[in-house]
Protein backbone atom coordinates (compact mmCIF):
# COMPACT_ATOMS: atom_id res chain seq x y z
CA MET A 1 12.06 -8.82 1.49
CA SER A 2 13.94 -7.36 -1.26
CA TYR A 3 16.60 -4.67 -1.88
CA ARG A 4 16.45 -1.33 -2.90
CA PRO A 5 18.46 1.40 -3.09
CA ALA A 6 18.30 4.18 -0.76
CA GLU A 7 19.09 8.10 0.00
CA LYS A 8 21.56 9.36 -3.45
CA THR A 9 23.85 11.38 -0.22
CA GLY A 10 25.60 9.92 2.71
CA ASN A 11 28.54 8.37 3.40
CA ALA A 12 26.72 4.38 4.47
CA LEU A 13 26.48 2.10 1.23
CA GLU A 14 23.11 3.20 -0.88
CA LEU A 15 21.67 -0.23 -0.80
CA GLN A 16 19.03 -1.23 2.25
CA PHE A 17 17.72 -4.45 3.19
CA ILE A 18 14.22 -3.38 3.36
CA LYS A 19 11.47 -5.39 5.66
CA PRO A 20 7.79 -4.56 5.11
CA GLN A 21 7.19 -1.40 6.88
CA ARG A 22 4.59 -2.23 9.80
CA ALA A 23 2.62 1.48 8.58
CA TYR A 24 2.22 -0.15 5.52
CA LEU A 25 1.30 -3.39 7.03
CA ILE A 26 -1.42 -1.30 9.25
CA ALA A 27 -2.47 0.80 6.37
CA GLN A 28 -3.32 -2.41 4.24
CA ALA A 29 -5.49 -4.09 7.29
CA VAL A 30 -7.28 -0.64 7.47
CA ILE A 31 -8.01 -0.52 3.55
CA LEU A 32 -9.17 -4.31 4.06
CA VAL A 33 -11.79 -3.13 7.10
CA ASP A 34 -13.11 0.00 5.29
CA THR A 35 -13.66 -2.12 2.45
CA MET A 36 -15.75 -4.52 4.59
CA ARG A 37 -17.34 -2.23 6.30
CA LEU A 38 -20.63 -2.37 4.30
CA ASP A 39 -20.91 -5.79 4.83
CA ARG A 40 -20.14 -6.18 8.21
CA LEU A 41 -23.23 -3.97 8.61
CA THR A 42 -25.14 -5.70 6.65
CA ARG A 43 -24.57 -8.89 8.78
CA ARG A 44 -25.02 -6.76 11.62
CA PHE A 45 -28.60 -5.83 10.57
CA LEU A 46 -29.49 -9.34 9.47
CA ILE A 47 -28.46 -10.91 13.14
CA ILE A 48 -30.89 -8.11 14.78
CA LEU A 49 -33.54 -8.93 12.24
CA LEU A 50 -33.11 -12.97 12.98
CA ALA A 51 -32.96 -12.23 16.60
CA ILE A 52 -36.01 -10.35 16.92
CA ALA A 53 -37.77 -12.33 14.82
CA GLY A 54 -36.52 -16.02 16.72
CA THR A 55 -37.55 -14.58 19.72
CA LEU A 56 -40.88 -13.77 18.81
CA ALA A 57 -41.54 -16.61 17.35
CA ILE A 58 -40.24 -18.64 20.43
CA GLY A 59 -42.76 -16.81 22.30
CA THR A 60 -45.64 -17.06 19.91
CA VAL A 61 -45.39 -20.74 19.94
CA GLY A 62 -44.38 -21.11 23.44
CA PHE A 63 -47.96 -19.24 24.29
CA THR A 64 -49.68 -21.20 21.90
CA VAL A 65 -48.62 -24.36 23.09
CA ILE A 66 -48.67 -23.87 26.74
CA ASP A 67 -51.75 -22.26 27.51
CA HIS A 68 -53.48 -22.69 24.02
CA TYR A 69 -53.87 -19.16 22.96
CA PRO A 70 -54.75 -18.23 19.52
CA PRO A 71 -51.74 -17.52 17.30
CA PHE A 72 -52.57 -13.92 16.74
CA ASP A 73 -52.77 -13.53 20.80
CA ALA A 74 -49.50 -15.26 21.71
CA PHE A 75 -47.56 -13.07 18.75
CA TYR A 76 -49.33 -10.06 20.33
CA MET A 77 -48.59 -11.45 24.12
CA THR A 78 -45.28 -12.07 23.19
CA LEU A 79 -44.98 -8.25 21.74
CA THR A 80 -45.66 -6.69 24.27
CA THR A 81 -43.54 -8.72 26.55
CA MET A 82 -40.48 -8.02 24.74
CA THR A 83 -41.14 -4.05 23.77
CA THR A 84 -41.74 -3.93 28.19
CA VAL A 85 -45.52 -2.09 27.26
CA GLY A 86 -46.76 -3.60 30.50
CA TYR A 87 -50.47 -4.45 28.94
CA ALA A 88 -52.57 -7.14 31.28
CA GLU A 89 -52.75 -10.71 29.81
CA LEU A 90 -55.04 -11.37 27.32
CA HIS A 91 -55.30 -14.43 28.78
CA PRO A 92 -55.23 -15.90 32.03
CA LEU A 93 -51.84 -17.78 32.38
CA SER A 94 -51.05 -20.99 34.04
CA ARG A 95 -48.16 -21.25 36.49
CA ALA A 96 -45.81 -23.09 33.21
CA GLY A 97 -47.23 -19.86 31.41
CA ARG A 98 -45.76 -17.84 34.08
CA ILE A 99 -42.22 -19.61 33.98
CA PHE A 100 -42.49 -19.70 30.63
CA ASN A 101 -43.13 -15.46 30.05
CA SER A 102 -40.22 -15.17 32.49
CA PHE A 103 -37.78 -16.25 30.57
CA LEU A 104 -39.46 -14.43 27.45
CA ILE A 105 -39.54 -11.22 29.29
CA PHE A 106 -35.23 -11.30 30.48
CA PHE A 107 -34.15 -12.51 26.79
CA GLY A 108 -36.66 -10.52 25.45
CA VAL A 109 -36.02 -7.65 26.98
CA THR A 110 -32.02 -8.38 26.45
CA THR A 111 -32.41 -8.61 22.83
CA ILE A 112 -34.68 -5.79 21.76
CA PHE A 113 -31.83 -3.52 24.05
CA ILE A 114 -28.56 -5.14 22.33
CA ALA A 115 -30.66 -4.68 18.90
CA ILE A 116 -31.23 -0.27 19.76
CA GLY A 117 -27.25 -0.66 20.31
CA ALA A 118 -26.33 -1.94 17.49
CA MET A 119 -28.73 0.07 15.25
CA THR A 120 -27.05 3.35 17.30
CA GLN A 121 -23.55 1.91 16.31
CA THR A 122 -24.33 1.40 12.71
CA ILE A 123 -26.30 4.66 12.33
CA ILE A 124 -22.72 6.62 14.03
CA GLU A 125 -20.65 4.25 11.75
CA LEU A 126 -22.90 5.23 8.88
CA GLU A 127 -22.64 9.24 9.54
CA PHE A 128 -18.86 9.84 10.81
CA GLY A 129 -17.16 6.66 9.07
CA ASP A 130 -15.74 8.71 6.73
CA ALA A 131 -14.65 11.20 8.36
CA ILE A 132 -12.95 8.77 10.87
CA GLY A 133 -10.92 6.70 7.72
CA LYS A 134 -9.47 9.85 6.33
CA ARG A 135 -8.16 10.94 10.16
CA ARG A 136 -7.00 7.66 10.09
CA THR A 137 -5.43 7.87 6.41
CA LYS A 138 -3.50 10.90 7.63
CA ARG A 139 -2.26 9.44 10.55
CA MET A 140 -0.63 6.92 8.34
CA ILE A 141 1.09 9.40 6.09
CA ASP A 142 2.29 11.41 8.86
CA ASN A 143 3.98 8.96 9.74
CA LEU A 144 5.79 7.89 6.58
CA LYS A 145 9.18 8.11 6.08
CA ASN A 146 11.77 7.64 2.99
CA HIS A 147 8.46 6.83 1.03
CA TYR A 148 7.35 7.10 -2.45
CA ILE A 149 4.42 9.45 -3.89
CA ILE A 150 2.89 8.89 -6.83
CA CYS A 151 1.01 11.81 -8.37
CA GLY A 152 -1.75 9.79 -11.16
CA PHE A 153 -3.17 5.95 -10.83
CA GLY A 154 -3.90 5.75 -14.60
CA ARG A 155 -2.55 2.97 -16.34
CA VAL A 156 1.19 4.32 -15.78
CA GLY A 157 0.74 4.71 -12.29
CA ARG A 158 -1.02 1.55 -11.75
CA GLY A 159 2.15 -0.24 -13.02
CA ALA A 160 4.34 1.96 -10.70
CA ALA A 161 2.46 1.48 -8.24
CA SER A 162 2.05 -2.29 -8.74
CA GLU A 163 5.82 -2.50 -8.57
CA LEU A 164 6.77 -0.40 -5.33
CA GLN A 165 4.05 -2.40 -3.58
CA HIS A 166 5.48 -5.71 -4.87
CA ALA A 167 8.83 -4.49 -3.65
CA GLY A 168 7.73 -3.79 -0.51
CA VAL A 169 8.59 -0.29 0.10
CA PRO A 170 5.94 2.32 1.86
CA PHE A 171 4.43 4.96 -0.95
CA VAL A 172 1.16 6.64 -1.06
CA VAL A 173 -1.10 7.48 -4.07
CA VAL A 174 -2.76 10.33 -5.15
CA ASP A 175 -5.24 11.31 -7.59
CA SER A 176 -8.37 13.76 -8.13
CA SER A 177 -10.58 10.76 -9.28
CA PRO A 178 -12.18 8.97 -5.44
CA GLU A 179 -13.06 6.23 -8.29
CA ARG A 180 -9.41 5.35 -8.90
CA VAL A 181 -8.42 5.92 -5.35
CA GLU A 182 -10.99 3.64 -4.09
CA ARG A 183 -9.61 1.39 -6.40
CA ALA A 184 -5.97 1.33 -5.45
CA MET A 185 -7.11 1.09 -1.86
CA HIS A 186 -8.99 -1.64 -2.89
CA ALA A 187 -5.47 -3.13 -3.97
CA GLY A 188 -4.35 -2.67 -0.50
CA MET A 189 -2.37 0.74 -1.44
CA LEU A 190 -2.70 3.92 0.70
CA ALA A 191 -4.40 6.62 -1.30
CA VAL A 192 -5.51 9.91 -0.81
CA ALA A 193 -7.82 11.81 -3.16
CA ALA A 194 -6.77 15.44 -3.86
CA ASP A 195 -4.84 17.47 -6.84
CA ALA A 196 -1.67 16.46 -6.88
CA THR A 197 -0.40 19.64 -8.52
CA ARG A 198 -1.40 21.83 -5.38
CA ASP A 199 1.61 22.41 -2.85
CA GLU A 200 -0.86 21.50 -0.35
CA THR A 201 -1.26 18.45 -1.38
CA LEU A 202 1.92 17.12 -1.67
CA THR A 203 3.32 18.87 1.50
CA GLN A 204 0.46 16.73 3.34
CA VAL A 205 1.77 13.72 2.00
CA GLY A 206 4.71 14.21 3.40
CA ILE A 207 6.86 14.79 0.37
CA ALA A 208 9.55 16.73 2.53
CA GLN A 209 10.14 13.16 4.04
CA ALA A 210 9.99 11.53 0.54
CA ARG A 211 12.75 9.26 -0.99
CA GLY A 212 11.06 10.11 -4.56
CA LEU A 213 8.27 11.10 -6.33
CA VAL A 214 6.39 10.04 -9.83
CA ALA A 215 4.51 11.85 -11.98
CA ALA A 216 2.37 10.00 -13.82
CA LEU A 217 -0.75 12.33 -14.16
CA ALA A 218 -2.64 12.35 -17.73
CA THR A 219 -1.18 15.53 -19.32
CA ASP A 220 2.61 17.38 -19.83
CA ALA A 221 1.16 19.85 -18.10
CA ASP A 222 0.11 18.95 -15.20
CA ASN A 223 3.26 16.90 -14.70
CA LEU A 224 5.74 19.60 -15.23
CA PHE A 225 3.79 21.44 -12.71
CA VAL A 226 4.04 18.77 -10.50
CA LEU A 227 7.84 18.57 -10.99
CA LEU A 228 7.93 22.30 -10.22
CA SER A 229 6.08 22.37 -7.25
CA ALA A 230 8.01 18.71 -5.54
CA LYS A 231 11.46 20.44 -6.68
CA GLY A 232 10.49 23.51 -4.75
CA LEU A 233 9.15 21.93 -1.87
CA ASN A 234 12.37 19.46 -1.54
CA PRO A 235 15.43 19.69 -4.11
CA GLY A 236 16.96 16.94 -3.22
CA LEU A 237 14.07 14.53 -3.69
CA TYR A 238 14.22 12.75 -7.48
CA VAL A 239 11.72 12.99 -9.87
CA ALA A 240 10.87 10.65 -12.29
CA THR A 241 8.26 11.46 -14.87
CA ARG A 242 6.00 10.54 -17.75
CA ALA A 243 5.91 12.49 -21.24
CA ALA A 244 3.47 12.46 -23.76
CA GLU A 245 4.38 14.57 -26.26
CA GLU A 246 7.31 14.62 -28.28
CA GLY A 247 10.07 17.31 -27.10
CA ALA A 248 8.66 17.18 -23.91
CA GLU A 249 11.44 15.15 -22.72
CA VAL A 250 13.84 17.69 -23.04
CA LYS A 251 11.56 20.58 -21.21
CA MET A 252 10.96 18.12 -18.18
CA ARG A 253 15.05 17.47 -17.74
CA ARG A 254 15.05 21.70 -17.94
CA ALA A 255 13.02 21.69 -15.04
CA GLY A 256 14.70 19.21 -12.69
CA ALA A 257 13.28 16.03 -13.52
CA ASP A 258 16.17 13.05 -12.80
CA ALA A 259 14.26 10.49 -15.19
CA VAL A 260 11.93 11.35 -17.89
CA PHE A 261 9.96 7.95 -19.81
CA ALA A 262 7.79 8.83 -22.98
CA PRO A 263 5.84 5.85 -22.98
CA TYR A 264 4.61 5.80 -26.36
CA ALA A 265 8.27 6.01 -27.67
CA MET A 266 9.15 3.65 -25.02
CA THR A 267 6.66 0.76 -26.57
CA GLY A 268 7.40 2.07 -29.96
CA HIS A 269 11.14 1.23 -29.62
CA ARG A 270 10.56 -1.92 -27.55
CA LEU A 271 8.31 -3.43 -30.57
CA ALA A 272 10.75 -2.56 -33.38
CA GLN A 273 13.66 -4.06 -31.16
CA SER A 274 11.51 -7.21 -30.49
CA MET A 275 11.60 -7.88 -34.18
CA LEU A 276 15.07 -7.06 -34.99
CA ARG A 277 16.66 -8.73 -31.40
CA PRO A 278 14.18 -11.06 -29.86
CA HIS A 279 16.17 -13.09 -27.94
CA VAL A 280 17.76 -9.58 -26.58
CA VAL A 281 14.60 -8.31 -25.36
CA GLN A 282 13.73 -11.36 -23.85
CA PHE A 283 17.04 -11.77 -22.10
CA LEU A 284 16.25 -7.61 -20.74
CA ASP A 285 12.66 -8.84 -19.93
CA PHE A 286 13.86 -11.50 -17.65
CA THR A 287 16.51 -9.36 -16.33
CA THR A 288 13.88 -6.81 -14.95
CA ASN A 289 10.60 -9.71 -14.51
CA ASP A 290 11.48 -12.94 -14.31
CA ILE A 291 14.43 -13.46 -12.83
CA GLY A 292 13.58 -15.42 -9.67
CA LYS A 293 12.32 -14.13 -6.53
CA ASP A 294 16.40 -15.15 -4.68
CA ILE A 295 17.80 -13.20 -7.28
CA SER A 296 18.05 -9.60 -7.87
CA ILE A 297 19.44 -7.03 -10.11
CA GLU A 298 20.48 -3.92 -7.88
CA GLN A 299 22.74 -0.94 -7.72
CA VAL A 300 25.19 -0.43 -4.34
CA ARG A 301 27.31 2.25 -3.74
CA VAL A 302 30.65 2.21 -2.83
CA ALA A 303 31.09 4.04 0.59
CA GLU A 304 33.56 6.61 1.52
CA ASP A 305 35.27 4.77 4.45
CA SER A 306 35.02 1.73 3.27
CA GLU A 307 37.83 -1.38 3.10
CA MET A 308 37.09 -2.38 -0.19
CA ALA A 309 37.86 0.85 -1.86
CA ALA A 310 40.59 1.27 -4.32
CA HIS A 311 40.50 -2.47 -4.58
CA SER A 312 39.93 -4.34 -7.96
CA ILE A 313 36.98 -6.91 -8.66
CA GLN A 314 39.81 -9.18 -8.43
CA GLU A 315 41.01 -8.70 -5.35
CA MET A 316 37.09 -8.16 -4.11
CA ARG A 317 36.56 -11.78 -5.03
CA LEU A 318 32.98 -10.91 -5.59
CA GLY A 319 32.58 -13.34 -8.05
CA ARG A 320 34.39 -16.91 -5.59
CA ASP A 321 33.28 -15.82 -2.57
CA LEU A 322 29.79 -14.27 -3.09
CA GLY A 323 28.40 -15.77 -6.81
CA VAL A 324 27.72 -11.76 -7.38
CA ILE A 325 28.22 -10.39 -10.88
CA VAL A 326 29.38 -7.07 -11.83
CA MET A 327 27.29 -5.96 -14.68
CA ALA A 328 28.31 -2.11 -14.59
CA ILE A 329 29.89 0.41 -12.66
CA ARG A 330 28.48 3.91 -12.25
CA ALA A 331 31.25 6.30 -11.71
CA ARG A 332 30.83 9.04 -9.18
CA ASP A 333 31.54 11.39 -11.85
CA GLY A 334 28.83 9.73 -14.10
CA GLY A 335 30.75 8.04 -16.59
CA MET A 336 28.49 4.50 -16.99
CA MET A 337 31.31 1.21 -17.86
CA PHE A 338 29.63 -1.58 -18.88
CA ASN A 339 31.02 -5.54 -18.24
CA PRO A 340 34.24 -3.96 -16.47
CA SER A 341 37.39 -6.10 -16.12
CA ALA A 342 38.79 -7.98 -13.24
CA ASP A 343 41.46 -5.38 -12.52
CA THR A 344 39.21 -2.45 -12.33
CA LEU A 345 39.44 -0.65 -9.11
CA ILE A 346 36.40 0.51 -7.49
CA ARG A 347 36.61 3.69 -5.82
CA PRO A 348 34.53 5.75 -2.82
CA GLY A 349 31.25 6.81 -4.17
CA ASP A 350 31.12 4.56 -7.43
CA TYR A 351 27.77 2.37 -8.38
CA LEU A 352 27.87 -1.28 -8.78
CA ILE A 353 25.31 -3.00 -10.58
CA VAL A 354 25.49 -6.59 -9.74
CA MET A 355 23.43 -9.07 -9.89
CA GLY A 356 23.60 -12.33 -7.36
CA ARG A 357 21.42 -13.75 -4.71
CA GLN A 358 19.43 -11.66 -1.88
CA GLU A 359 21.81 -12.81 1.00
CA SER A 360 25.45 -12.40 -1.15
CA LEU A 361 23.83 -9.07 -1.89
CA ARG A 362 23.57 -8.57 2.14
CA THR A 363 26.76 -9.95 2.31
CA LEU A 364 28.38 -7.24 -0.07
CA GLU A 365 26.78 -4.35 1.46
CA GLU A 366 28.37 -4.98 4.88
CA ARG A 367 31.68 -5.07 2.75
CA LEU A 368 31.53 -1.95 1.02
CA SER A 369 29.56 0.15 3.87
CA GLY A 370 32.82 -1.08 6.14
CA GLU A 371 30.53 -3.05 8.69
CA THR A 372 32.48 -5.44 8.77
CA ALA A 373 36.04 -3.62 10.07
CA ALA A 374 33.38 -1.62 11.91
CA GLY A 375 32.17 -4.61 13.82
């Protein structure tokens, strides 16, 4: 379980205590089944061959030992018995031989019928398995709500998908490359092979019900196209995009991007900072990656009707009662206040950037959303 920010608007506190999504777990199970399908078919063929070979061997040995058939005649007699061809006995059978042949008829014919059924099922799965898998994937995507869409599964897209998967939130990957889609599915992710720049594709992956979109395609032109399409289909959607070329960031923001990241510029900046301020970089890495599985840094929104609104941080007693550290406050007008003092007032609509244990963050959620008072 993990905390993650919820909707950008609304009266309720925008911090959700998210449980692993049932639909997403089903998707992972389905993906594992699909990737193991060829192995299962191979095992099925081997079992069929072993069953037929075993029955032939038992029959051959039985006729040879009981009625002293020559080995080839014993094999031929077993084969005609199993296939119900109905030829006469090659050599007269004794009473013991006919009893043995009766059991051989029952087990041999049963084995042949089972083998025919299994091979028929295998052929059907090979012919229609892809179509069934696509319908299953489409049905799971249709059931997604408040999910994220990742357009592109390159290096940037894989990093974003890995983080969302680690957070346990529902998301779907869209990439035009079947190889990349297969790679995503092998990693347990829900993915479709389609052109993310087309409105039809975004509609099919549920952009109307989505919470956010990551545009991580190879070129700025494609990302800008996805950005314009996404904002046209869902104006309230939060869109984060990558920008490779210099000057593209301004155009992306002008087109409506909520967040723009330039991987190369950011990498160069981090490299320089690691030389100039290595301990600062180490601390930032600690807070984002290695802070601990029970500790989180999250953003919470103060509800309009919260009983804690218009109270100071000292009056809320977050540090003493909950052990939560308020690192910053993003005011509802967009201003950011770092390391707020104890007498700073908390107003409705403010976002608190806090660090603490998940249980403490859950309690903070209840206080700021007004659920405690309502209860």
